[in-house]
Amino acid sequence: MLLSDKREFKAKMIGADPKTDIAVIKIDGDNLPTIAWGDSDKLQVGEFAIAVGNPFGLNQTVTMGIISAVGRANVGIAEYEDFIQTDAAINPGNSGGALVNIRGEVIGINAAIFSQSGGYQGIGFAVPSNMVKAVMDSLIKSGKVIRGWLGVSIQQLNAELASQFGLKEARGALVNDVVKGSPAEKGGVQRGDVIISVNGKTIEDAAHLRNTIAQTPVGTKVKIKVIRDKKEKEIDVTIGELPKDIVKLNKGIERDEGDSYKNVFTSIKVENITPDITRQLELPSNTKGMIVAYVEPGSAAADAGLRRGDVIQEINKKRINNSADYKAVVSKIKKDDAVLLLINRRGNTLYLTITSE
């Protein structure tokens, strides 16, 4: 490892966390300067940012820009993403360098660039300092990262889903499943809850909730505010430890052609679940519901994301176990009614909203 004063050291790996692309190394030496930590939770778009690194092998290069955005997720760089986006010039070789504010405090670690040419195009990403510090402390203390675990499967809200669940805006994380025996189940979190805050901290989306829980120390009791049946409810949950391997929840053909309905189900054909279908789709043997055999291309159901092979388990929060349940519920839905579905897709549950065309 080469320092700015030209001294070189052999570094020892303390630990690495592939889920955030962060590693901790140690060197033994005297008169080693340190830098103060900044609070990345307090960053605001537009404030100055300075990137330090070795782009293209040019040691101790400093570039300046602004914070372009915070909380960037679903970028595809790491498993846990909460990136700071900056237009400070970041090029190959900058990764691992510090992103600092004008007070000289570390606010992030440079991680990646978005580029079609391989070079700087004004979009760089850094892991926020608060996430880095949590990962670092855990690696130094135990040699691994211990993450908090709630035990829910969550999905992103859109405007249609938000309306169905009684929210004025698409903010929060929708719970589409709860792991049996998990902290969430023990605390009373239910499928269909929308988590809107944790310990008073507003939850913006599914990725924000995931990162918030992961960085919460195991054993911490938190207050989770949810929207349930269009009313606010507060739940106390004690955060558990994220298991190494999370096991997914275990959950003569009669067809319903859909032609007789005068609503959004006209374009959907379903059939009863058989043991053969259960094996083909790798579903738990006790899965209940109606299997989607066909979805008309270009229909409202197709636009909503319903696919062949999905298992419809709830319609407008009414349980669907068989064709009789399906017909009883669907026959009462009017032409222009929006419909909320709970589906099982290869073992994962998901909410969909179908609106009339």
Protein backbone atom coordinates (compact mmCIF):
# COMPACT_ATOMS: atom_id res chain seq x y z
CA MET A 1 0.00 0.00 0.00
CA LEU A 2 1.45 3.38 -1.09
CA LEU A 3 0.85 6.50 1.03
CA SER A 4 1.08 10.13 -0.06
CA ASP A 5 4.49 10.48 1.68
CA LYS A 6 5.86 7.66 -0.56
CA ARG A 7 5.96 5.09 2.25
CA GLU A 8 4.86 1.59 1.26
CA PHE A 9 3.30 -1.01 3.54
CA LYS A 10 2.00 -4.53 3.28
CA ALA A 11 -1.65 -4.54 4.23
CA LYS A 12 -3.51 -7.29 6.07
CA MET A 13 -7.10 -8.07 5.14
CA ILE A 14 -9.33 -7.82 8.20
CA GLY A 15 -12.53 -8.70 6.42
CA ALA A 16 -14.64 -8.08 3.34
CA ASP A 17 -18.33 -7.66 2.67
CA PRO A 18 -19.30 -8.49 -0.94
CA LYS A 19 -22.89 -7.37 -0.29
CA THR A 20 -21.72 -3.73 -0.08
CA ASP A 21 -18.37 -4.09 -1.91
CA ILE A 22 -16.51 -2.86 1.19
CA ALA A 23 -13.32 -4.34 2.70
CA VAL A 24 -11.21 -3.41 5.73
CA ILE A 25 -7.42 -3.64 5.61
CA LYS A 26 -4.80 -2.93 8.28
CA ILE A 27 -1.26 -1.56 8.09
CA ASP A 28 1.32 -1.20 10.86
CA GLY A 29 3.18 2.10 10.92
CA ASP A 30 3.88 5.34 12.79
CA ASN A 31 2.51 8.83 12.26
CA LEU A 32 -0.44 7.64 10.23
CA PRO A 33 -2.89 10.51 9.62
CA THR A 34 -6.62 9.96 10.04
CA ILE A 35 -9.71 11.70 8.75
CA ALA A 36 -12.98 12.52 10.51
CA TRP A 37 -16.26 10.80 9.64
CA GLY A 38 -19.10 12.87 8.25
CA ASP A 39 -22.79 12.09 8.70
CA SER A 40 -24.05 10.93 5.31
CA ASP A 41 -27.66 11.01 6.52
CA LYS A 42 -27.43 14.81 6.62
CA LEU A 43 -26.23 15.22 3.01
CA GLN A 44 -28.24 17.54 0.81
CA VAL A 45 -28.40 17.60 -2.95
CA GLY A 46 -26.32 20.48 -4.29
CA GLU A 47 -23.65 20.65 -1.61
CA PHE A 48 -20.00 20.34 -2.63
CA ALA A 49 -18.24 16.97 -2.82
CA ILE A 50 -14.54 16.18 -3.35
CA ALA A 51 -13.43 12.81 -4.73
CA VAL A 52 -9.96 11.47 -3.92
CA GLY A 53 -8.34 8.55 -5.72
CA ASN A 54 -5.84 7.23 -8.24
CA PRO A 55 -7.58 7.44 -11.62
CA PHE A 56 -5.61 5.70 -14.38
CA GLY A 57 -2.74 5.27 -11.89
CA LEU A 58 -2.37 9.01 -11.22
CA ASN A 59 -1.82 8.99 -7.46
CA GLN A 60 -3.53 11.43 -5.07
CA THR A 61 -5.86 12.96 -7.62
CA VAL A 62 -8.60 15.27 -6.29
CA THR A 63 -11.71 16.29 -8.23
CA MET A 64 -14.65 18.42 -7.14
CA GLY A 65 -18.37 18.47 -7.88
CA ILE A 66 -21.67 18.40 -6.07
CA ILE A 67 -23.98 15.83 -4.54
CA SER A 68 -26.31 15.01 -7.44
CA ALA A 69 -28.62 12.65 -5.53
CA VAL A 70 -28.78 10.47 -2.42
CA GLY A 71 -30.38 7.12 -1.72
CA ARG A 72 -29.75 5.68 -5.15
CA ALA A 73 -30.70 1.99 -5.20
CA ASN A 74 -31.36 -0.69 -7.84
CA VAL A 75 -28.21 0.37 -9.67
CA GLY A 76 -26.96 -3.22 -9.95
CA ILE A 77 -23.54 -2.67 -8.34
CA ALA A 78 -24.01 -4.33 -4.93
CA GLU A 79 -26.66 -6.26 -3.02
CA TYR A 80 -27.21 -3.49 -0.45
CA GLU A 81 -27.36 -0.15 -2.25
CA ASP A 82 -27.92 3.33 -0.86
CA PHE A 83 -25.53 5.24 -3.07
CA ILE A 84 -24.56 8.89 -3.09
CA GLN A 85 -24.54 10.12 -6.69
CA THR A 86 -22.03 12.83 -7.55
CA ASP A 87 -20.75 14.63 -10.62
CA ALA A 88 -17.25 14.96 -9.13
CA ALA A 89 -15.05 13.32 -11.76
CA ILE A 90 -14.67 9.62 -10.90
CA ASN A 91 -12.71 7.44 -13.31
CA PRO A 92 -11.25 3.91 -13.27
CA GLY A 93 -8.88 3.84 -10.29
CA ASN A 94 -10.99 6.12 -8.11
CA SER A 95 -12.85 3.18 -6.53
CA GLY A 96 -11.98 2.84 -2.85
CA GLY A 97 -11.03 6.49 -2.54
CA ALA A 98 -12.73 8.89 -0.20
CA LEU A 99 -15.57 11.23 -1.06
CA VAL A 100 -15.29 14.18 1.34
CA ASN A 101 -17.22 17.37 2.06
CA ILE A 102 -15.75 20.88 2.19
CA ARG A 103 -14.96 20.37 5.91
CA GLY A 104 -12.68 17.46 5.02
CA GLU A 105 -14.97 14.82 6.51
CA VAL A 106 -15.51 11.45 4.82
CA ILE A 107 -19.06 11.27 3.52
CA GLY A 108 -18.60 8.23 1.30
CA ILE A 109 -16.29 5.74 -0.44
CA ASN A 110 -16.12 5.95 -4.23
CA ALA A 111 -17.58 2.78 -5.70
CA ALA A 112 -18.38 2.99 -9.41
CA ILE A 113 -19.15 5.13 -12.42
CA PHE A 114 -21.95 5.10 -14.94
CA SER A 115 -20.35 5.37 -18.34
CA GLN A 116 -20.90 4.27 -21.93
CA SER A 117 -17.29 5.05 -22.83
CA GLY A 118 -15.50 3.69 -19.74
CA GLY A 119 -14.54 7.18 -18.61
CA TYR A 120 -16.09 10.12 -16.79
CA GLN A 121 -19.60 11.12 -17.86
CA GLY A 122 -20.72 13.09 -14.82
CA ILE A 123 -22.35 10.20 -12.93
CA GLY A 124 -20.41 8.53 -10.13
CA PHE A 125 -21.54 6.54 -7.11
CA ALA A 126 -20.20 6.34 -3.56
CA VAL A 127 -21.18 4.16 -0.60
CA PRO A 128 -22.42 6.54 2.14
CA SER A 129 -20.17 6.94 5.17
CA ASN A 130 -22.77 5.73 7.68
CA MET A 131 -23.11 2.43 5.82
CA VAL A 132 -19.32 2.16 5.47
CA LYS A 133 -18.79 2.80 9.19
CA ALA A 134 -21.37 0.18 10.20
CA VAL A 135 -19.76 -2.41 7.90
CA MET A 136 -16.27 -1.46 9.09
CA ASP A 137 -17.14 -1.69 12.79
CA SER A 138 -18.74 -5.10 12.30
CA LEU A 139 -15.81 -6.47 10.29
CA ILE A 140 -13.27 -5.26 12.87
CA LYS A 141 -15.29 -6.59 15.81
CA SER A 142 -16.32 -9.99 14.48
CA GLY A 143 -14.66 -10.50 11.09
CA LYS A 144 -18.06 -10.53 9.41
CA VAL A 145 -21.01 -8.22 8.92
CA ILE A 146 -23.93 -8.90 11.25
CA ARG A 147 -27.06 -7.41 9.75
CA GLY A 148 -30.42 -6.77 11.30
CA TRP A 149 -33.35 -8.83 10.06
CA LEU A 150 -37.07 -8.16 10.14
CA GLY A 151 -38.29 -11.20 8.24
CA VAL A 152 -40.57 -9.74 5.59
CA SER A 153 -40.77 -9.86 1.83
CA ILE A 154 -41.41 -6.35 0.53
CA GLN A 155 -42.12 -4.63 -2.74
CA GLN A 156 -42.13 -1.16 -4.18
CA LEU A 157 -45.30 0.89 -4.15
CA ASN A 158 -46.71 2.60 -7.22
CA ALA A 159 -49.60 5.06 -7.38
CA GLU A 160 -52.22 2.35 -7.96
CA LEU A 161 -51.05 0.19 -5.07
CA ALA A 162 -50.75 3.21 -2.79
CA SER A 163 -54.37 4.10 -3.50
CA GLN A 164 -55.54 0.53 -2.81
CA PHE A 165 -53.81 0.49 0.57
CA GLY A 166 -55.03 3.91 1.70
CA LEU A 167 -51.95 6.05 1.07
CA LYS A 168 -51.98 9.50 -0.47
CA GLU A 169 -48.54 8.99 -2.06
CA ALA A 170 -46.38 6.03 -3.12
CA ARG A 171 -44.07 6.19 -0.11
CA GLY A 172 -43.20 3.25 2.14
CA ALA A 173 -42.64 -0.49 1.67
CA LEU A 174 -45.48 -2.93 1.04
CA VAL A 175 -45.24 -6.22 2.92
CA ASN A 176 -46.21 -9.09 0.62
CA ASP A 177 -45.11 -11.91 2.91
CA VAL A 178 -43.96 -12.53 6.48
CA VAL A 179 -41.45 -15.25 7.34
CA LYS A 180 -42.79 -17.77 9.84
CA GLY A 181 -41.12 -17.40 13.23
CA SER A 182 -39.40 -14.16 12.22
CA PRO A 183 -39.16 -10.99 14.34
CA ALA A 184 -41.86 -9.45 12.13
CA GLU A 185 -44.32 -12.27 12.76
CA LYS A 186 -43.60 -12.26 16.49
CA GLY A 187 -44.15 -8.50 16.59
CA GLY A 188 -47.43 -8.67 14.69
CA VAL A 189 -46.50 -7.41 11.22
CA GLN A 190 -48.96 -8.75 8.64
CA ARG A 191 -49.10 -9.27 4.91
CA GLY A 192 -50.63 -6.18 3.33
CA ASP A 193 -49.13 -3.78 5.86
CA VAL A 194 -47.33 -0.75 4.41
CA ILE A 195 -44.33 0.15 6.56
CA ILE A 196 -44.01 3.95 6.60
CA SER A 197 -41.51 4.58 9.42
CA VAL A 198 -39.00 2.87 11.72
CA ASN A 199 -38.24 4.59 15.04
CA GLY A 200 -39.73 7.81 13.67
CA LYS A 201 -37.58 7.71 10.52
CA THR A 202 -39.72 7.96 7.39
CA ILE A 203 -39.31 5.01 5.02
CA GLU A 204 -39.15 6.20 1.43
CA ASP A 205 -39.27 2.87 -0.40
CA ALA A 206 -38.48 -0.84 -0.19
CA ALA A 207 -34.71 -0.38 -0.59
CA HIS A 208 -34.68 2.26 2.16
CA LEU A 209 -36.43 -0.11 4.58
CA ARG A 210 -34.02 -2.93 3.72
CA ASN A 211 -30.97 -0.76 4.39
CA THR A 212 -32.46 0.73 7.57
CA ILE A 213 -33.17 -2.69 9.08
CA ALA A 214 -29.82 -4.13 7.97
CA GLN A 215 -27.95 -1.35 9.79
CA THR A 216 -30.00 -1.72 12.99
CA PRO A 217 -28.12 -3.65 15.72
CA VAL A 218 -29.44 -7.12 16.46
CA GLY A 219 -31.56 -7.15 19.61
CA THR A 220 -32.71 -3.55 19.20
CA LYS A 221 -36.40 -2.95 19.88
CA VAL A 222 -37.84 -0.64 17.22
CA LYS A 223 -41.20 1.01 16.72
CA ILE A 224 -42.55 0.29 13.26
CA LYS A 225 -45.43 2.39 11.98
CA VAL A 226 -47.63 0.72 9.37
CA ILE A 227 -50.76 1.47 7.41
CA ARG A 228 -53.21 -1.42 7.91
CA ASP A 229 -56.74 -1.33 6.56
CA LYS A 230 -56.11 2.35 5.72
CA LYS A 231 -55.34 3.20 9.37
CA GLU A 232 -52.03 3.89 11.10
CA LYS A 233 -50.80 1.32 13.61
CA GLU A 234 -47.58 1.19 15.65
CA ILE A 235 -45.85 -2.15 16.30
CA ASP A 236 -42.91 -3.01 18.56
CA VAL A 237 -40.45 -5.42 16.95
CA THR A 238 -37.12 -6.74 18.24
CA ILE A 239 -34.66 -6.95 15.35
CA GLY A 240 -33.10 -10.37 14.75
CA GLU A 241 -29.93 -11.42 12.93
CA LEU A 242 -30.08 -11.97 9.18
CA PRO A 243 -29.74 -15.76 8.64
CA LYS A 244 -27.00 -16.98 6.32
CA ASP A 245 -29.49 -18.87 4.19
CA ILE A 246 -33.03 -17.56 4.22
CA VAL A 247 -35.37 -20.39 3.34
CA LYS A 248 -38.36 -19.25 1.34
CA LEU A 249 -41.75 -19.72 2.93
CA ASN A 250 -43.60 -22.87 2.21
CA LYS A 251 -46.90 -22.00 1.19
CA GLY A 252 -58.67 -33.38 -12.97
CA ILE A 253 -58.20 -29.74 -14.37
CA GLU A 254 -61.10 -27.35 -14.11
CA ARG A 255 -60.73 -24.18 -16.16
CA ASP A 256 -62.32 -20.76 -15.94
CA GLU A 257 -62.13 -19.19 -19.38
CA GLY A 258 -63.13 -15.71 -18.23
CA ASP A 259 -65.33 -15.03 -21.24
CA SER A 260 -68.49 -14.52 -19.18
CA TYR A 261 -67.06 -11.70 -17.06
CA LYS A 262 -67.52 -8.07 -17.97
CA ASN A 263 -64.53 -6.73 -16.08
CA VAL A 264 -60.72 -6.88 -16.13
CA PHE A 265 -60.82 -10.68 -15.75
CA THR A 266 -62.23 -11.11 -19.27
CA SER A 267 -58.67 -11.26 -20.60
CA ILE A 268 -57.52 -13.87 -18.05
CA LYS A 269 -57.93 -17.64 -18.16
CA VAL A 270 -57.26 -19.65 -15.00
CA GLU A 271 -57.30 -23.28 -13.92
CA ASN A 272 -57.08 -25.32 -10.74
CA ILE A 273 -53.67 -26.26 -9.38
CA THR A 274 -52.70 -29.92 -9.90
CA PRO A 275 -49.74 -31.87 -8.48
CA ASP A 276 -48.14 -31.82 -11.96
CA ILE A 277 -48.43 -28.03 -12.18
CA THR A 278 -47.05 -27.71 -8.64
CA ARG A 279 -43.97 -29.71 -9.63
CA GLN A 280 -43.49 -27.89 -12.95
CA LEU A 281 -43.61 -24.45 -11.33
CA GLU A 282 -41.56 -25.55 -8.29
CA LEU A 283 -44.32 -24.49 -5.90
CA PRO A 284 -44.80 -25.80 -2.35
CA SER A 285 -47.11 -28.81 -2.39
CA ASN A 286 -49.71 -27.06 -0.21
CA THR A 287 -50.07 -23.99 -2.49
CA LYS A 288 -53.68 -22.86 -2.85
CA GLY A 289 -55.25 -20.61 -5.46
CA MET A 290 -55.92 -20.50 -9.20
CA ILE A 291 -53.15 -20.79 -11.75
CA VAL A 292 -53.07 -18.24 -14.60
CA ALA A 293 -53.14 -20.22 -17.85
CA TYR A 294 -53.40 -17.27 -20.24
CA VAL A 295 -53.22 -13.47 -20.19
CA GLU A 296 -54.29 -11.58 -23.29
CA PRO A 297 -51.37 -9.52 -24.66
CA GLY A 298 -51.94 -5.77 -24.38
CA SER A 299 -54.74 -6.19 -21.83
CA ALA A 300 -54.93 -4.33 -18.52
CA ALA A 301 -53.89 -7.52 -16.73
CA ALA A 302 -50.82 -7.91 -18.95
CA ASP A 303 -49.91 -4.24 -18.47
CA ALA A 304 -50.15 -4.71 -14.70
CA GLY A 305 -47.54 -7.48 -14.90
CA LEU A 306 -49.70 -10.62 -14.53
CA ARG A 307 -48.03 -13.61 -16.19
CA ARG A 308 -48.88 -17.14 -17.24
CA GLY A 309 -47.94 -19.42 -14.33
CA ASP A 310 -48.79 -16.90 -11.61
CA VAL A 311 -51.01 -18.27 -8.84
CA ILE A 312 -53.84 -15.94 -7.81
CA GLN A 313 -54.23 -16.31 -4.04
CA GLU A 314 -56.24 -13.22 -3.13
CA ILE A 315 -58.55 -10.88 -5.03
CA ASN A 316 -59.36 -7.60 -3.29
CA LYS A 317 -58.00 -9.16 -0.06
CA LYS A 318 -60.44 -12.12 -0.31
CA ARG A 319 -58.78 -15.53 -0.11
CA ILE A 320 -58.92 -17.68 -3.26
CA ASN A 321 -58.48 -21.41 -2.63
CA ASN A 322 -60.29 -22.90 -5.62
CA SER A 323 -62.46 -22.17 -8.66
CA ALA A 324 -65.58 -21.68 -6.54
CA ASP A 325 -63.87 -18.90 -4.56
CA TYR A 326 -62.57 -17.36 -7.78
CA LYS A 327 -65.96 -17.29 -9.49
CA ALA A 328 -67.76 -15.96 -6.42
CA VAL A 329 -65.39 -12.97 -6.10
CA VAL A 330 -64.79 -12.20 -9.77
CA SER A 331 -68.49 -12.31 -10.71
CA LYS A 332 -69.18 -9.38 -8.35
CA ILE A 333 -66.50 -7.09 -9.80
CA LYS A 334 -67.82 -4.32 -12.04
CA LYS A 335 -66.48 -3.30 -15.43
CA ASP A 336 -64.57 -0.21 -14.28
CA ASP A 337 -63.42 -1.52 -10.89
CA ALA A 338 -59.71 -1.58 -10.09
CA VAL A 339 -58.61 -4.93 -8.67
CA LEU A 340 -55.91 -5.78 -6.12
CA LEU A 341 -54.35 -9.23 -6.57
CA LEU A 342 -52.02 -11.19 -4.34
CA ILE A 343 -50.14 -13.67 -6.50
CA ASN A 344 -47.57 -16.38 -5.90
CA ARG A 345 -44.82 -16.41 -8.51
CA ARG A 346 -42.56 -19.46 -8.11
CA GLY A 347 -42.74 -19.30 -4.33
CA ASN A 348 -42.60 -15.50 -3.97
CA THR A 349 -45.72 -13.48 -3.19
CA LEU A 350 -46.42 -10.18 -4.91
CA TYR A 351 -49.22 -7.60 -5.03
CA LEU A 352 -50.50 -6.34 -8.39
CA THR A 353 -53.14 -3.76 -9.22
CA ILE A 354 -55.19 -4.13 -12.41
CA THR A 355 -57.03 -1.01 -13.51
CA SER A 356 -59.70 -0.93 -16.18
CA GLU A 357 -58.65 0.12 -19.67
